[in-house]
N, C-alpha and C. Protein backbone atom coordinates (compact mmCIF):
# COMPACT_ATOMS: atom_id res chain seq x y z
N UNK A 1 111.41 92.88 92.61
CA UNK A 1 110.16 93.59 92.63
C UNK A 1 109.92 94.23 93.99
N UNK A 2 110.78 93.93 94.97
CA UNK A 2 110.64 94.56 96.27
C UNK A 2 110.97 96.03 96.16
N UNK A 3 110.11 96.82 96.78
CA UNK A 3 110.33 98.26 96.78
C UNK A 3 110.91 98.65 98.12
N UNK A 4 111.79 99.64 98.14
CA UNK A 4 112.29 100.09 99.43
C UNK A 4 111.14 100.71 100.21
N UNK A 5 111.16 100.57 101.52
CA UNK A 5 110.06 101.16 102.29
C UNK A 5 110.05 102.67 102.13
N UNK A 6 108.87 103.26 102.00
CA UNK A 6 108.80 104.70 101.85
C UNK A 6 109.26 105.37 103.14
N UNK A 7 109.75 106.59 102.99
CA UNK A 7 110.15 107.34 104.17
C UNK A 7 108.92 107.58 105.02
N UNK A 8 109.08 107.38 106.30
CA UNK A 8 107.91 107.51 107.18
C UNK A 8 107.52 108.97 107.34
N UNK A 9 106.27 109.14 107.55
CA UNK A 9 105.69 110.45 107.77
C UNK A 9 105.18 110.41 109.20
N UNK A 10 105.51 111.39 110.02
CA UNK A 10 105.20 111.29 111.45
C UNK A 10 103.73 111.05 111.78
N UNK A 11 102.83 111.54 110.98
CA UNK A 11 101.42 111.43 111.32
C UNK A 11 100.64 110.46 110.43
N UNK A 12 101.24 109.96 109.39
CA UNK A 12 100.53 109.07 108.47
C UNK A 12 101.39 107.85 108.16
N UNK A 13 101.08 106.71 108.79
CA UNK A 13 101.90 105.52 108.54
C UNK A 13 101.78 104.98 107.12
N UNK A 14 100.79 105.44 106.37
CA UNK A 14 100.60 104.98 104.99
C UNK A 14 101.12 105.99 103.97
N UNK A 15 101.80 107.01 104.44
CA UNK A 15 102.31 108.04 103.54
C UNK A 15 103.21 107.42 102.48
N UNK A 16 102.87 107.65 101.22
CA UNK A 16 103.67 107.17 100.10
C UNK A 16 103.36 105.74 99.67
N UNK A 17 102.40 105.09 100.32
CA UNK A 17 102.04 103.72 99.97
C UNK A 17 100.69 103.74 99.27
N UNK A 18 100.65 103.20 98.06
CA UNK A 18 99.40 103.22 97.30
C UNK A 18 98.48 102.09 97.75
N UNK A 19 97.21 102.27 97.48
CA UNK A 19 96.23 101.23 97.77
C UNK A 19 96.57 99.95 97.01
N UNK A 20 97.03 100.09 95.79
CA UNK A 20 97.41 98.92 94.99
C UNK A 20 98.55 98.15 95.66
N UNK A 21 99.51 98.86 96.21
CA UNK A 21 100.61 98.22 96.92
C UNK A 21 100.11 97.46 98.13
N UNK A 22 99.19 98.07 98.88
CA UNK A 22 98.64 97.42 100.06
C UNK A 22 97.93 96.12 99.68
N UNK A 23 97.04 96.20 98.70
CA UNK A 23 96.29 95.02 98.28
C UNK A 23 97.24 93.94 97.77
N UNK A 24 98.17 94.32 96.91
CA UNK A 24 99.10 93.36 96.32
C UNK A 24 99.92 92.66 97.40
N UNK A 25 100.45 93.42 98.35
CA UNK A 25 101.28 92.81 99.39
C UNK A 25 100.46 91.89 100.30
N UNK A 26 99.25 92.29 100.64
CA UNK A 26 98.42 91.45 101.49
C UNK A 26 98.01 90.16 100.77
N UNK A 27 97.74 90.26 99.47
CA UNK A 27 97.39 89.07 98.70
C UNK A 27 98.60 88.14 98.60
N UNK A 28 99.78 88.70 98.37
CA UNK A 28 100.99 87.88 98.29
C UNK A 28 101.27 87.19 99.63
N UNK A 29 101.01 87.89 100.71
CA UNK A 29 101.29 87.36 102.04
C UNK A 29 100.26 86.32 102.49
N UNK A 30 98.97 86.59 102.21
CA UNK A 30 97.90 85.76 102.77
C UNK A 30 97.10 84.98 101.73
N UNK A 31 97.05 85.46 100.51
CA UNK A 31 96.21 84.86 99.49
C UNK A 31 94.79 85.41 99.58
N UNK A 32 94.03 85.24 98.51
CA UNK A 32 92.67 85.78 98.44
C UNK A 32 91.75 85.14 99.47
N UNK A 33 91.90 83.84 99.67
CA UNK A 33 90.99 83.14 100.58
C UNK A 33 91.11 83.68 102.01
N UNK A 34 92.33 83.82 102.48
CA UNK A 34 92.54 84.34 103.84
C UNK A 34 92.13 85.81 103.93
N UNK A 35 92.42 86.57 102.90
CA UNK A 35 92.01 87.98 102.90
C UNK A 35 90.49 88.08 102.97
N UNK A 36 89.79 87.23 102.23
CA UNK A 36 88.34 87.20 102.27
C UNK A 36 87.80 86.74 103.61
N UNK A 37 88.53 85.89 104.29
CA UNK A 37 88.11 85.45 105.62
C UNK A 37 88.26 86.60 106.63
N UNK A 38 89.36 87.32 106.52
CA UNK A 38 89.63 88.43 107.45
C UNK A 38 88.75 89.65 107.18
N UNK A 39 88.47 89.90 105.91
CA UNK A 39 87.63 91.03 105.51
C UNK A 39 86.63 90.49 104.50
N UNK A 40 85.50 89.97 104.97
CA UNK A 40 84.57 89.26 104.09
C UNK A 40 83.75 90.19 103.19
N UNK A 41 84.35 90.59 102.11
CA UNK A 41 83.66 91.41 101.10
C UNK A 41 83.73 90.67 99.77
N UNK A 42 82.75 90.89 98.95
CA UNK A 42 82.61 90.15 97.69
C UNK A 42 83.85 90.23 96.80
N UNK A 43 84.50 91.39 96.77
CA UNK A 43 85.65 91.53 95.87
C UNK A 43 86.81 90.62 96.25
N UNK A 44 86.84 90.13 97.50
CA UNK A 44 87.87 89.19 97.92
C UNK A 44 87.39 87.74 97.85
N UNK A 45 86.06 87.54 97.82
CA UNK A 45 85.50 86.20 97.91
C UNK A 45 85.09 85.60 96.56
N UNK A 46 84.57 86.41 95.66
CA UNK A 46 84.04 85.91 94.38
C UNK A 46 84.87 86.42 93.21
N UNK A 47 85.61 85.51 92.59
CA UNK A 47 86.43 85.85 91.43
C UNK A 47 87.30 87.09 91.69
N UNK A 48 88.15 87.03 92.73
CA UNK A 48 88.92 88.20 93.13
C UNK A 48 90.00 88.58 92.12
N UNK A 49 90.24 89.87 92.04
CA UNK A 49 91.35 90.40 91.25
C UNK A 49 91.79 91.72 91.87
N UNK A 50 93.00 92.11 91.58
CA UNK A 50 93.50 93.39 92.09
C UNK A 50 92.61 94.51 91.58
N UNK A 51 92.29 94.49 90.30
CA UNK A 51 91.49 95.58 89.69
C UNK A 51 90.12 95.71 90.34
N UNK A 52 89.40 94.60 90.50
CA UNK A 52 88.06 94.68 91.09
C UNK A 52 88.14 95.11 92.56
N UNK A 53 89.17 94.66 93.25
CA UNK A 53 89.33 95.04 94.65
C UNK A 53 89.61 96.53 94.78
N UNK A 54 90.47 97.06 93.93
CA UNK A 54 90.77 98.49 93.98
C UNK A 54 89.52 99.32 93.69
N UNK A 55 88.74 98.90 92.71
CA UNK A 55 87.50 99.62 92.39
C UNK A 55 86.57 99.65 93.59
N UNK A 56 86.37 98.50 94.21
CA UNK A 56 85.49 98.42 95.37
C UNK A 56 86.03 99.24 96.54
N UNK A 57 87.30 99.08 96.86
CA UNK A 57 87.86 99.76 98.03
C UNK A 57 87.88 101.27 97.87
N UNK A 58 88.03 101.76 96.65
CA UNK A 58 88.01 103.21 96.43
C UNK A 58 86.62 103.79 96.63
N UNK A 59 85.59 102.97 96.46
CA UNK A 59 84.21 103.43 96.60
C UNK A 59 83.62 103.13 97.98
N UNK A 60 84.34 102.38 98.80
CA UNK A 60 83.80 101.90 100.07
C UNK A 60 84.77 102.24 101.20
N UNK A 61 84.62 103.41 101.79
CA UNK A 61 85.57 103.87 102.81
C UNK A 61 85.75 102.92 104.00
N UNK A 62 84.67 102.30 104.49
CA UNK A 62 84.81 101.44 105.67
C UNK A 62 85.69 100.22 105.37
N UNK A 63 85.56 99.66 104.17
CA UNK A 63 86.35 98.49 103.80
C UNK A 63 87.82 98.89 103.59
N UNK A 64 88.03 100.04 102.97
CA UNK A 64 89.40 100.51 102.76
C UNK A 64 90.09 100.77 104.10
N UNK A 65 89.36 101.37 105.03
CA UNK A 65 89.94 101.66 106.35
C UNK A 65 90.34 100.37 107.06
N UNK A 66 89.49 99.35 106.98
CA UNK A 66 89.81 98.08 107.63
C UNK A 66 91.02 97.41 106.99
N UNK A 67 91.11 97.47 105.67
CA UNK A 67 92.24 96.89 104.97
C UNK A 67 93.53 97.64 105.31
N UNK A 68 93.46 98.96 105.34
CA UNK A 68 94.64 99.75 105.68
C UNK A 68 95.08 99.49 107.11
N UNK A 69 94.14 99.34 108.02
CA UNK A 69 94.47 99.04 109.41
C UNK A 69 95.15 97.67 109.50
N UNK A 70 94.64 96.70 108.77
CA UNK A 70 95.25 95.37 108.74
C UNK A 70 96.71 95.48 108.27
N UNK A 71 96.93 96.26 107.25
CA UNK A 71 98.28 96.45 106.70
C UNK A 71 99.20 97.11 107.74
N UNK A 72 98.70 98.15 108.39
CA UNK A 72 99.50 98.88 109.39
C UNK A 72 99.87 97.96 110.55
N UNK A 73 98.90 97.21 111.05
CA UNK A 73 99.13 96.31 112.19
C UNK A 73 100.19 95.28 111.84
N UNK A 74 100.16 94.76 110.63
CA UNK A 74 101.13 93.74 110.22
C UNK A 74 102.54 94.31 110.04
N UNK A 75 102.63 95.57 109.77
CA UNK A 75 103.94 96.20 109.56
C UNK A 75 104.65 96.51 110.87
N UNK A 76 103.88 96.61 111.94
CA UNK A 76 104.49 97.01 113.22
C UNK A 76 104.97 95.82 114.02
């Protein structure tokens, strides 16, 4: 199920990486509890799921930006 890393884009470190991939990989790496501790939003704390998290993050730019930054920092 591992995907090859997408080809890097000089100005966008998330080029070719979907929000679903980011959430899924962070949940696999840290679990919902740790993700909720690092980014305390309801979709990670109360009955979390990939679907509910994606819905929330797509509607909430500040939370999506923080999650994407967390993902970028961990990749470097």
